[in-house]
């Protein structure tokens, strides 16, 4: 794309985004609580890596502390 047409598309996209956000603000703000609730299980899955990696290394649990005495 040439320089002027690229700038025209950017300006058009900015104007379209402004009107979409201003006209649909009530819909977007109404969905925020549900998006927050959806973020909780997604963060659990992606940040904890699921439930497969709960290996504690063995040897430093409470049962092993009494064996040294």
Protein backbone atom coordinates (compact mmCIF):
# COMPACT_ATOMS: atom_id res chain seq x y z
CA UNK A 1 0.00 0.00 0.00
CA UNK A 2 1.10 3.49 -0.68
CA UNK A 3 1.70 5.94 2.13
CA UNK A 4 -1.49 7.99 1.70
CA UNK A 5 -3.80 5.01 1.41
CA UNK A 6 -2.24 3.45 4.53
CA UNK A 7 -2.85 6.64 6.49
CA UNK A 8 -6.44 6.79 5.17
CA UNK A 9 -7.10 3.22 6.38
CA UNK A 10 -5.64 4.00 9.81
CA UNK A 11 -7.84 7.11 10.14
CA UNK A 12 -10.90 5.14 8.97
CA UNK A 13 -10.17 2.36 11.49
CA UNK A 14 -9.75 4.90 14.31
CA UNK A 15 -13.07 6.57 13.48
CA UNK A 16 -14.84 3.20 13.21
CA UNK A 17 -13.38 2.06 16.54
CA UNK A 18 -14.51 5.28 18.22
CA UNK A 19 -18.08 4.91 17.00
CA UNK A 20 -18.23 1.20 17.84
CA UNK A 21 -17.00 1.83 21.38
CA UNK A 22 -19.23 4.82 21.98
CA UNK A 23 -22.39 3.09 20.69
CA UNK A 24 -21.76 -0.27 22.36
CA UNK A 25 -20.35 0.90 25.69
CA UNK A 26 -23.32 -0.48 27.64
CA UNK A 27 -22.84 -3.93 26.14
CA UNK A 28 -19.12 -3.92 26.84
CA UNK A 29 -19.48 -2.71 30.44
CA UNK A 30 -22.26 -5.23 31.06
CA UNK A 31 -19.95 -8.08 30.06
CA UNK A 32 -17.08 -7.05 32.36
CA UNK A 33 -18.20 -9.07 35.43
CA UNK A 34 -18.55 -12.20 33.30
CA UNK A 35 -15.14 -11.63 31.72
CA UNK A 36 -13.63 -11.30 35.18
CA UNK A 37 -15.21 -14.59 36.25
CA UNK A 38 -13.95 -16.23 33.06
CA UNK A 39 -10.43 -14.95 33.72
CA UNK A 40 -10.16 -16.91 36.99
CA UNK A 41 -10.22 -20.45 35.55
CA UNK A 42 -8.16 -19.36 32.56
CA UNK A 43 -5.45 -17.94 34.83
CA UNK A 44 -5.55 -21.12 36.89
CA UNK A 45 -5.00 -23.28 33.83
CA UNK A 46 -2.33 -21.18 32.16
CA UNK A 47 -0.43 -19.88 35.19
CA UNK A 48 -0.38 -23.09 37.23
CA UNK A 49 0.15 -25.37 34.25
CA UNK A 50 -2.84 -27.56 35.03
CA UNK A 51 -2.81 -30.17 37.81
CA UNK A 52 -0.09 -32.46 36.54
CA UNK A 53 2.96 -30.82 38.10
CA UNK A 54 2.41 -31.06 41.86
CA UNK A 55 5.63 -32.93 42.61
CA UNK A 56 7.12 -31.61 45.85
CA UNK A 57 10.61 -32.96 45.31
CA UNK A 58 10.44 -35.72 47.92
CA UNK A 59 12.48 -35.74 51.10
CA UNK A 60 11.48 -32.37 52.53
CA UNK A 61 7.96 -33.16 53.70
CA UNK A 62 6.80 -33.25 57.34
CA UNK A 63 7.12 -37.07 57.52
CA UNK A 64 10.83 -36.91 56.66
CA UNK A 65 11.69 -34.30 59.33
CA UNK A 66 11.02 -36.74 62.16
CA UNK A 67 13.20 -39.45 60.56
CA UNK A 68 16.41 -37.44 61.15
CA UNK A 69 16.06 -37.42 64.93
